């Protein structure tokens, strides 16, 4: 008898294991009291394989499932739905996985658009995202899958899972990266109404997984790490990602406006960044805060079977100051604790930020490289931080800042974070006072079941 992948793969066990039931729950139990002004929906996306994988499985490859928690008038409701890609529709008809394994995909089938990484709202559209494919449009409210969205035929390649919305212009700024072809990298801008109005092709120095980027008021900032994509290894059924620190890392700066502008590349020490926190212009310099890894062994079979993190394979908050005049880059560690999923107040995207938030390692450490059991709030003006730990085994997701009112100061509001409660094998949405995350929670919304560990989401205020 062949051992099932779910019996041996740590990304298919515990709260990484899929939750395959879709449903709706009204009037969720609430501890504390939800502020009446907190009106909107907390969306979270993540991988949730609908069928038993047929080979080596990685967390990045599961089918997307959207979890939506709506808060209104002091009450809370929940809805979850799969993103019904064409591939998933066909698998449901067959009653089994048809996609092949991580490094040996089914050659007779097109790449499945899992749309499992992020979910954003812009210009009246709700888009589920994965970096290798087009966006998938969903119906707000019902979460019904409408299909792939290509901006009226103007977007002919993939879209990053991490677009940025300029808080002043309302523009949706993004890039697309095919990974396999370093020459097929594109930078794009959609206007406030959602029309794609600008596209610029960019040639990367080498093929790599450029997962996220940052914007300032004047620039787009790309991070090219020491993780190199070798497509010839994929053809051999091997892991195509290779760690090549001798290449160093490069930061690319592109003017956001100006036809024909070229990317300017700055060399820094080897490393890798999945997620920046934010960036901003500071005179003739750019300040860029990121969660920086010293090393990443992505998708290696050893790392997938043994989830224990190596000391070098932890991201830590780091600042780069890029001197656009002199060409030098100052590299400065800001913390020594493992973090991921860094965020800022969305009203500060591309502008100088004082506060930042991240999922973080708890005081007990972690036995799994993708498990964080605390959240951290940084005051970057004072150089201080506060942490809220949830307890060993109680994994915390990406923290989202929601301002108390649209006019509130940057740090005045709430931190929303989805946390797994191991004792009851279910998840809660914690609402913390952003100015006192260690204090008594404002409210704790109890979900009736667990939400598998996932990736990213956003808060969408009620209209």
Protein backbone atom coordinates (compact mmCIF):
# COMPACT_ATOMS: atom_id res chain seq x y z
CA UNK A 1 0.00 0.00 0.00
CA UNK A 2 1.34 3.43 -0.97
CA UNK A 3 1.60 5.90 1.90
CA UNK A 4 -0.64 8.90 1.36
CA UNK A 5 1.01 12.29 0.98
CA UNK A 6 -1.20 13.71 3.74
CA UNK A 7 0.21 11.16 6.20
CA UNK A 8 3.80 12.37 5.87
CA UNK A 9 3.70 15.98 4.63
CA UNK A 10 3.71 18.63 7.42
CA UNK A 11 1.84 21.02 5.11
CA UNK A 12 -1.11 18.62 5.17
CA UNK A 13 -1.28 18.08 8.93
CA UNK A 14 -2.58 19.97 11.93
CA UNK A 15 -4.02 23.34 10.99
CA UNK A 16 -2.16 23.20 7.67
CA UNK A 17 -4.54 20.38 6.67
CA UNK A 18 -7.37 21.35 4.33
CA UNK A 19 -10.87 22.29 5.46
CA UNK A 20 -13.06 21.33 2.51
CA UNK A 21 -16.53 22.34 3.71
CA UNK A 22 -18.04 25.54 2.32
CA UNK A 23 -20.75 27.35 4.25
CA UNK A 24 -22.32 30.38 5.88
CA UNK A 25 -22.70 31.20 9.57
CA UNK A 26 -24.72 34.11 10.88
CA UNK A 27 -24.49 35.79 14.28
CA UNK A 28 -21.16 34.39 15.38
CA UNK A 29 -20.36 34.25 19.08
CA UNK A 30 -18.38 37.30 20.20
CA UNK A 31 -16.33 37.82 23.34
CA UNK A 32 -16.14 41.49 24.20
CA UNK A 33 -17.89 44.09 22.07
CA UNK A 34 -17.30 44.95 18.44
CA UNK A 35 -17.07 48.73 17.89
CA UNK A 36 -20.13 49.97 16.03
CA UNK A 37 -17.88 51.93 13.66
CA UNK A 38 -16.06 48.74 12.59
CA UNK A 39 -18.15 47.99 9.48
CA UNK A 40 -16.75 45.94 6.63
CA UNK A 41 -15.36 42.56 5.66
CA UNK A 42 -12.11 40.87 6.64
CA UNK A 43 -11.09 38.71 3.64
CA UNK A 44 -8.42 36.02 3.89
CA UNK A 45 -7.14 33.75 1.10
CA UNK A 46 -5.11 30.58 1.42
CA UNK A 47 -4.30 27.15 -0.04
CA UNK A 48 -6.79 24.37 0.62
CA UNK A 49 -6.34 21.31 -1.66
CA UNK A 50 -9.77 20.04 -2.64
CA UNK A 51 -8.44 16.52 -3.30
CA UNK A 52 -5.65 14.35 -1.97
CA UNK A 53 -2.44 15.40 -3.77
CA UNK A 54 -1.03 12.78 -6.13
CA UNK A 55 2.61 13.56 -5.35
CA UNK A 56 4.93 15.87 -3.43
CA UNK A 57 2.79 18.72 -2.12
CA UNK A 58 3.89 22.21 -1.10
CA UNK A 59 1.84 24.78 0.80
CA UNK A 60 1.99 27.15 -2.17
CA UNK A 61 0.08 24.83 -4.51
CA UNK A 62 -3.33 24.18 -2.89
CA UNK A 63 -6.63 25.37 -4.30
CA UNK A 64 -7.62 28.85 -3.16
CA UNK A 65 -10.32 29.23 -0.53
CA UNK A 66 -11.69 32.61 0.52
CA UNK A 67 -12.76 33.20 4.12
CA UNK A 68 -14.88 36.32 4.66
CA UNK A 69 -15.81 37.64 8.10
CA UNK A 70 -18.25 40.55 7.92
CA UNK A 71 -18.56 42.92 10.88
CA UNK A 72 -21.51 45.28 11.07
CA UNK A 73 -23.53 46.91 13.85
CA UNK A 74 -21.66 44.95 16.50
CA UNK A 75 -22.45 41.58 14.91
CA UNK A 76 -20.37 39.17 12.82
CA UNK A 77 -21.03 36.62 10.09
CA UNK A 78 -18.81 34.20 8.15
CA UNK A 79 -18.73 32.74 4.65
CA UNK A 80 -16.14 30.58 2.89
CA UNK A 81 -15.96 29.44 -0.70
CA UNK A 82 -13.44 27.77 -2.98
CA UNK A 83 -12.17 29.77 -5.92
CA UNK A 84 -13.67 27.61 -8.64
CA UNK A 85 -10.93 27.57 -11.25
CA UNK A 86 -11.45 25.68 -14.49
CA UNK A 87 -9.00 23.10 -13.18
CA UNK A 88 -10.98 22.61 -9.97
CA UNK A 89 -14.26 22.32 -11.88
CA UNK A 90 -12.73 19.53 -13.96
CA UNK A 91 -11.32 17.81 -10.87
CA UNK A 92 -14.73 17.90 -9.21
CA UNK A 93 -16.20 16.23 -12.26
CA UNK A 94 -13.51 13.53 -12.06
CA UNK A 95 -13.66 13.26 -8.28
CA UNK A 96 -9.89 13.39 -7.87
CA UNK A 97 -6.78 15.52 -8.37
CA UNK A 98 -5.66 15.82 -11.99
CA UNK A 99 -2.76 18.26 -11.57
CA UNK A 100 0.17 15.93 -10.97
CA UNK A 101 2.84 16.60 -8.36
CA UNK A 102 4.80 19.72 -7.44
CA UNK A 103 7.75 19.00 -9.73
CA UNK A 104 6.02 16.63 -12.14
CA UNK A 105 2.88 18.43 -13.27
CA UNK A 106 0.47 16.63 -15.56
CA UNK A 107 1.88 17.44 -19.04
CA UNK A 108 -1.54 16.94 -20.60
CA UNK A 109 -3.18 19.68 -18.55
CA UNK A 110 -2.73 23.46 -18.44
CA UNK A 111 -1.44 25.13 -15.30
CA UNK A 112 -4.21 25.41 -12.72
CA UNK A 113 -5.01 28.98 -11.68
CA UNK A 114 -5.30 28.29 -7.95
CA UNK A 115 -5.84 31.99 -7.04
CA UNK A 116 -4.75 31.03 -3.51
CA UNK A 117 -2.50 33.85 -2.28
CA UNK A 118 -4.29 37.17 -1.83
CA UNK A 119 -7.62 38.90 -2.35
CA UNK A 120 -8.00 42.60 -3.12
CA UNK A 121 -10.84 44.97 -3.94
CA UNK A 122 -10.39 47.72 -6.52
CA UNK A 123 -12.79 49.72 -8.67
CA UNK A 124 -15.75 47.62 -7.60
CA UNK A 125 -14.07 44.30 -8.43
CA UNK A 126 -13.00 41.61 -5.98
CA UNK A 127 -9.93 39.76 -7.27
CA UNK A 128 -8.38 36.54 -5.98
CA UNK A 129 -4.70 36.35 -6.89
CA UNK A 130 -1.79 33.98 -7.39
CA UNK A 131 1.37 35.33 -8.98
CA UNK A 132 1.71 32.96 -11.93
CA UNK A 133 -1.72 33.60 -13.51
CA UNK A 134 -4.36 36.16 -14.35
CA UNK A 135 -6.56 37.45 -11.52
CA UNK A 136 -9.80 35.60 -10.81
CA UNK A 137 -12.84 37.81 -10.30
CA UNK A 138 -15.34 36.98 -7.55
CA UNK A 139 -18.75 38.43 -6.74
CA UNK A 140 -18.52 40.54 -3.57
CA UNK A 141 -20.81 39.16 -0.92
CA UNK A 142 -21.61 35.75 -2.39
CA UNK A 143 -17.95 34.95 -3.32
CA UNK A 144 -19.20 33.32 -6.53
CA UNK A 145 -16.37 32.78 -9.01
CA UNK A 146 -16.92 34.78 -12.20
CA UNK A 147 -13.73 33.69 -14.00
CA UNK A 148 -10.35 35.06 -14.99
CA UNK A 149 -10.10 38.81 -15.44
CA UNK A 150 -7.75 40.40 -17.99
CA UNK A 151 -8.66 44.11 -17.78
CA UNK A 152 -10.71 43.98 -20.95
CA UNK A 153 -8.05 42.07 -22.87
CA UNK A 154 -5.26 44.52 -22.07
CA UNK A 155 -3.40 42.27 -19.60
CA UNK A 156 -1.79 39.42 -21.52
CA UNK A 157 0.31 37.88 -18.78
CA UNK A 158 0.24 37.06 -15.07
CA UNK A 159 -0.41 39.49 -12.25
CA UNK A 160 1.42 39.55 -8.94
CA UNK A 161 -0.48 38.51 -5.83
CA UNK A 162 0.66 41.80 -4.25
CA UNK A 163 -0.64 44.82 -6.16
CA UNK A 164 -0.50 48.17 -4.39
CA UNK A 165 -3.31 50.71 -4.22
CA UNK A 166 -2.04 54.28 -4.09
CA UNK A 167 -4.01 55.90 -1.25
CA UNK A 168 -4.12 59.29 -3.00
CA UNK A 169 -4.51 58.52 -6.70
CA UNK A 170 -6.50 55.29 -6.28
CA UNK A 171 -4.27 53.62 -8.88
CA UNK A 172 -3.72 49.87 -8.79
CA UNK A 173 0.02 49.37 -9.35
CA UNK A 174 1.33 45.87 -10.07
CA UNK A 175 3.73 43.68 -12.00
CA UNK A 176 3.65 40.27 -13.64
CA UNK A 177 6.43 37.69 -13.52
CA UNK A 178 6.40 34.38 -15.38
CA UNK A 179 9.50 33.24 -13.38
CA UNK A 180 10.67 30.93 -16.17
CA UNK A 181 11.42 33.80 -18.55
CA UNK A 182 13.44 36.66 -17.07
CA UNK A 183 12.58 38.77 -20.11
CA UNK A 184 8.82 38.41 -19.57
CA UNK A 185 8.43 40.75 -16.61
CA UNK A 186 5.93 43.56 -16.89
CA UNK A 187 5.03 46.63 -14.82
CA UNK A 188 1.43 47.86 -15.01
CA UNK A 189 -0.87 50.59 -13.73
CA UNK A 190 -4.68 50.61 -13.64
CA UNK A 191 -6.40 53.90 -12.92
CA UNK A 192 -8.91 54.59 -10.16
CA UNK A 193 -11.74 53.31 -12.37
CA UNK A 194 -9.94 50.02 -13.05
CA UNK A 195 -8.79 50.67 -16.63
CA UNK A 196 -5.30 49.41 -17.46
CA UNK A 197 -3.55 52.57 -18.62
CA UNK A 198 0.16 51.77 -18.55
CA UNK A 199 2.42 48.77 -19.14
CA UNK A 200 6.23 48.62 -19.27
CA UNK A 201 8.28 45.50 -20.09
CA UNK A 202 11.29 44.92 -17.84
CA UNK A 203 14.20 42.52 -18.31
CA UNK A 204 15.50 41.05 -15.05
CA UNK A 205 19.21 40.28 -14.55
CA UNK A 206 18.22 36.66 -13.84
CA UNK A 207 15.09 34.56 -13.45
CA UNK A 208 13.89 34.51 -9.87
CA UNK A 209 10.72 34.40 -7.83
CA UNK A 210 9.92 38.10 -7.49
CA UNK A 211 6.92 37.68 -5.22
CA UNK A 212 6.18 41.19 -4.00
CA UNK A 213 7.37 44.77 -4.47
CA UNK A 214 6.90 48.24 -3.00
CA UNK A 215 5.91 51.66 -4.25
CA UNK A 216 6.69 55.20 -3.19
CA UNK A 217 4.97 58.31 -4.46
CA UNK A 218 7.52 58.48 -7.29
CA UNK A 219 8.96 54.98 -7.73
CA UNK A 220 8.25 51.27 -8.00
CA UNK A 221 10.81 49.14 -6.13
CA UNK A 222 11.57 45.51 -7.06
CA UNK A 223 13.53 42.94 -5.08
CA UNK A 224 15.55 40.33 -6.97
CA UNK A 225 16.89 37.75 -4.53
CA UNK A 226 19.58 35.09 -4.57
CA UNK A 227 16.93 32.46 -5.26
CA UNK A 228 17.37 31.49 -8.93
CA UNK A 229 14.89 29.64 -11.12
CA UNK A 230 16.40 26.86 -13.25
CA UNK A 231 13.73 25.62 -15.68
CA UNK A 232 15.94 22.80 -16.96
CA UNK A 233 15.71 21.19 -13.51
CA UNK A 234 11.92 21.26 -13.67
CA UNK A 235 12.08 19.34 -16.96
CA UNK A 236 14.00 16.67 -15.04
CA UNK A 237 11.37 16.52 -12.28
CA UNK A 238 13.66 18.33 -9.83
CA UNK A 239 13.21 21.41 -7.67
CA UNK A 240 13.88 24.33 -10.06
CA UNK A 241 14.80 26.81 -7.31
CA UNK A 242 18.50 27.08 -6.46
CA UNK A 243 20.14 29.21 -3.79
CA UNK A 244 23.02 31.14 -5.37
CA UNK A 245 24.26 33.69 -2.78
CA UNK A 246 27.27 34.61 -4.89
CA UNK A 247 24.89 36.59 -7.11
CA UNK A 248 24.00 38.84 -4.20
CA UNK A 249 20.64 40.56 -4.27
CA UNK A 250 19.48 43.50 -6.35
CA UNK A 251 17.00 46.25 -5.72
CA UNK A 252 15.45 47.73 -8.84
CA UNK A 253 14.05 51.27 -8.89
CA UNK A 254 11.69 52.38 -11.66
CA UNK A 255 10.06 55.82 -11.94
CA UNK A 256 6.31 55.30 -11.61
CA UNK A 257 5.61 57.92 -14.23
CA UNK A 258 7.48 58.57 -17.42
CA UNK A 259 7.29 56.59 -20.63
CA UNK A 260 10.45 54.74 -21.59
CA UNK A 261 12.05 54.96 -18.16
CA UNK A 262 14.47 52.15 -17.28
CA UNK A 263 15.00 50.24 -14.07
CA UNK A 264 18.10 51.17 -12.13
CA UNK A 265 19.59 48.22 -10.23
CA UNK A 266 21.42 48.50 -6.90
CA UNK A 267 23.51 45.62 -5.57
CA UNK A 268 23.26 44.50 -1.94
CA UNK A 269 24.38 41.45 0.04
CA UNK A 270 22.80 38.08 -0.79
CA UNK A 271 19.40 37.34 0.66
CA UNK A 272 15.76 37.10 -0.24
CA UNK A 273 12.54 39.01 0.43
CA UNK A 274 9.06 37.60 0.03
CA UNK A 275 7.35 40.68 1.47
CA UNK A 276 8.31 44.31 1.99
CA UNK A 277 6.54 46.27 4.71
CA UNK A 278 6.52 49.59 2.86
CA UNK A 279 8.73 52.16 1.13
CA UNK A 280 8.81 55.93 0.83
CA UNK A 281 10.79 58.75 -0.76
CA UNK A 282 13.06 60.72 1.58
CA UNK A 283 14.73 63.51 -0.34
CA UNK A 284 17.19 61.92 -2.78
CA UNK A 285 16.81 58.53 -1.10
CA UNK A 286 14.28 55.71 -0.85
CA UNK A 287 13.64 54.05 2.51
CA UNK A 288 12.58 50.43 2.12
CA UNK A 289 11.53 48.22 5.06
CA UNK A 290 11.32 44.47 4.39
CA UNK A 291 11.16 41.04 5.99
CA UNK A 292 14.61 39.82 4.89
CA UNK A 293 15.81 36.22 4.78
CA UNK A 294 19.50 35.37 4.98
CA UNK A 295 18.77 32.15 3.10
CA UNK A 296 15.78 30.39 1.53
CA UNK A 297 15.69 26.71 0.58
CA UNK A 298 12.42 26.90 -1.30
CA UNK A 299 10.52 23.70 -1.99
CA UNK A 300 13.44 21.37 -1.37
CA UNK A 301 12.17 17.87 -0.49
CA UNK A 302 14.13 17.99 2.78
CA UNK A 303 12.52 21.26 3.82
CA UNK A 304 9.08 19.96 2.89
CA UNK A 305 9.49 16.80 4.97
CA UNK A 306 11.22 18.49 7.92
CA UNK A 307 9.46 21.79 8.72
CA UNK A 308 11.83 22.85 11.52
CA UNK A 309 13.29 26.26 10.63
CA UNK A 310 17.00 26.89 10.29
CA UNK A 311 18.33 30.04 11.98
CA UNK A 312 19.29 31.58 8.63
CA UNK A 313 15.91 30.71 7.14
CA UNK A 314 13.95 33.21 9.20
CA UNK A 315 12.90 36.64 8.00
CA UNK A 316 13.71 39.64 10.16
CA UNK A 317 12.73 43.27 9.81
CA UNK A 318 15.40 45.07 7.80
CA UNK A 319 15.80 48.54 6.33
CA UNK A 320 17.51 49.56 3.09
CA UNK A 321 18.23 53.23 2.42
CA UNK A 322 18.89 53.71 -1.28
CA UNK A 323 20.85 56.82 -2.23
CA UNK A 324 19.61 57.65 -5.72
CA UNK A 325 22.28 60.30 -6.21
CA UNK A 326 25.38 58.53 -4.92
CA UNK A 327 24.31 54.98 -5.75
CA UNK A 328 25.10 53.52 -2.32
CA UNK A 329 22.68 51.38 -0.29
CA UNK A 330 22.78 51.36 3.49
CA UNK A 331 21.67 48.03 4.96
CA UNK A 332 20.37 48.05 8.55
CA UNK A 333 18.82 45.24 10.65
CA UNK A 334 15.88 46.53 12.69
CA UNK A 335 14.99 43.43 14.72
CA UNK A 336 16.32 39.96 15.52
CA UNK A 337 12.97 38.13 15.90
CA UNK A 338 11.50 36.00 13.10
CA UNK A 339 8.60 37.75 11.36
CA UNK A 340 6.53 37.51 8.20
CA UNK A 341 3.53 39.11 6.51
CA UNK A 342 4.55 42.72 7.35
CA UNK A 343 1.88 45.39 6.82
CA UNK A 344 1.27 49.07 7.40
CA UNK A 345 -1.81 51.28 7.55
CA UNK A 346 -3.02 51.17 3.93
CA UNK A 347 -3.35 54.96 4.02
CA UNK A 348 0.47 55.08 4.34
CA UNK A 349 1.33 52.82 1.39
CA UNK A 350 4.15 54.54 -0.49
CA UNK A 351 4.35 57.26 2.17
CA UNK A 352 6.45 57.60 5.29
CA UNK A 353 5.14 55.20 7.91
CA UNK A 354 5.72 55.26 11.64
CA UNK A 355 4.02 52.01 12.57
CA UNK A 356 4.28 48.51 11.13
CA UNK A 357 2.71 45.16 11.98
CA UNK A 358 3.79 41.58 11.37
CA UNK A 359 3.18 37.97 12.35
CA UNK A 360 6.05 36.94 14.61
CA UNK A 361 7.62 34.06 16.47
CA UNK A 362 6.28 33.69 19.99
CA UNK A 363 8.45 33.32 23.10
CA UNK A 364 8.36 29.54 22.78
CA UNK A 365 9.92 29.63 19.30
CA UNK A 366 8.56 27.47 16.52
CA UNK A 367 8.88 23.89 15.36
CA UNK A 368 7.53 24.80 11.89
CA UNK A 369 9.05 27.28 9.46
CA UNK A 370 5.60 28.59 8.46
CA UNK A 371 4.11 28.96 11.96
CA UNK A 372 4.04 32.28 13.84
CA UNK A 373 2.30 32.48 17.22
CA UNK A 374 2.44 36.21 17.95
CA UNK A 375 1.93 39.59 16.31
CA UNK A 376 4.37 42.47 16.57
CA UNK A 377 3.72 46.21 16.37
CA UNK A 378 6.71 48.38 15.49
CA UNK A 379 7.09 52.06 16.30
CA UNK A 380 9.82 52.87 13.79
CA UNK A 381 10.08 56.48 14.88
CA UNK A 382 10.99 55.51 18.43
CA UNK A 383 12.70 52.24 17.52
CA UNK A 384 10.43 50.21 19.84
CA UNK A 385 8.02 47.30 19.51
CA UNK A 386 5.27 45.45 21.33
CA UNK A 387 4.33 41.80 20.90
CA UNK A 388 1.12 39.91 21.58
CA UNK A 389 1.67 36.15 22.00
CA UNK A 390 -1.23 33.73 21.55
CA UNK A 391 0.35 30.61 23.03
CA UNK A 392 2.28 27.62 21.75
CA UNK A 393 0.62 25.98 18.76
CA UNK A 394 -1.85 28.86 18.27
CA UNK A 395 -0.75 30.14 14.89
CA UNK A 396 -1.38 33.77 13.98
CA UNK A 397 -1.93 35.04 10.45
CA UNK A 398 -1.23 38.33 8.76
CA UNK A 399 -2.26 41.30 10.95
CA UNK A 400 -4.32 44.05 9.32
CA UNK A 401 -4.55 47.58 10.62
CA UNK A 402 -7.96 49.25 10.41
CA UNK A 403 -8.21 52.94 11.37
CA UNK A 404 -10.75 53.86 14.05
CA UNK A 405 -12.25 56.36 11.62
CA UNK A 406 -11.14 57.39 8.12
CA UNK A 407 -9.66 60.56 9.66
CA UNK A 408 -7.86 58.89 12.59
CA UNK A 409 -4.11 59.25 13.06
CA UNK A 410 -1.86 56.52 11.69
CA UNK A 411 -1.62 54.46 14.91
CA UNK A 412 -5.19 55.00 16.10
CA UNK A 413 -7.32 51.99 15.27
CA UNK A 414 -7.51 48.23 15.47
CA UNK A 415 -5.35 45.26 14.55
CA UNK A 416 -7.36 42.37 13.11
CA UNK A 417 -5.71 38.95 13.07
CA UNK A 418 -6.99 35.42 12.49
CA UNK A 419 -5.64 33.02 15.13
CA UNK A 420 -5.95 29.24 15.42
CA UNK A 421 -7.06 28.04 18.86
CA UNK A 422 -5.48 24.63 19.25
CA UNK A 423 -7.45 23.79 22.40
CA UNK A 424 -10.80 23.92 20.62
CA UNK A 425 -9.47 23.17 17.12
CA UNK A 426 -11.10 26.28 15.68
CA UNK A 427 -10.13 29.81 14.71
CA UNK A 428 -10.94 33.25 16.09
CA UNK A 429 -10.75 36.74 14.65
CA UNK A 430 -9.03 38.87 17.28
CA UNK A 431 -9.73 42.60 17.34
CA UNK A 432 -6.91 44.34 19.22
CA UNK A 433 -6.46 47.97 20.16
CA UNK A 434 -3.57 49.02 17.92
CA UNK A 435 -2.19 51.27 20.67
CA UNK A 436 -2.26 48.44 23.23
CA UNK A 437 -1.96 45.09 21.47
CA UNK A 438 -0.80 43.44 24.71
CA UNK A 439 -3.92 44.52 26.55
CA UNK A 440 -7.35 42.95 26.77
CA UNK A 441 -8.69 42.38 23.25
CA UNK A 442 -11.46 44.68 22.10
CA UNK A 443 -13.32 41.61 20.83
CA UNK A 444 -12.78 38.01 19.83
CA UNK A 445 -15.04 36.62 17.10
CA UNK A 446 -15.43 32.85 17.47
CA UNK A 447 -15.61 30.84 14.27
CA UNK A 448 -17.31 27.42 14.42
CA UNK A 449 -14.40 25.60 12.81
CA UNK A 450 -10.74 26.10 12.05
CA UNK A 451 -9.44 28.14 9.12
CA UNK A 452 -6.31 26.44 7.71
CA UNK A 453 -3.15 28.51 7.85
CA UNK A 454 -2.99 30.65 4.75
CA UNK A 455 -1.50 33.75 3.26
CA UNK A 456 -2.94 37.21 2.71
CA UNK A 457 -6.07 39.24 2.87
CA UNK A 458 -7.49 42.71 3.21
CA UNK A 459 -10.09 44.69 5.05
CA UNK A 460 -12.78 46.17 2.80
CA UNK A 461 -14.94 48.84 4.51
CA UNK A 462 -18.69 48.71 3.99
CA UNK A 463 -19.97 51.08 1.32
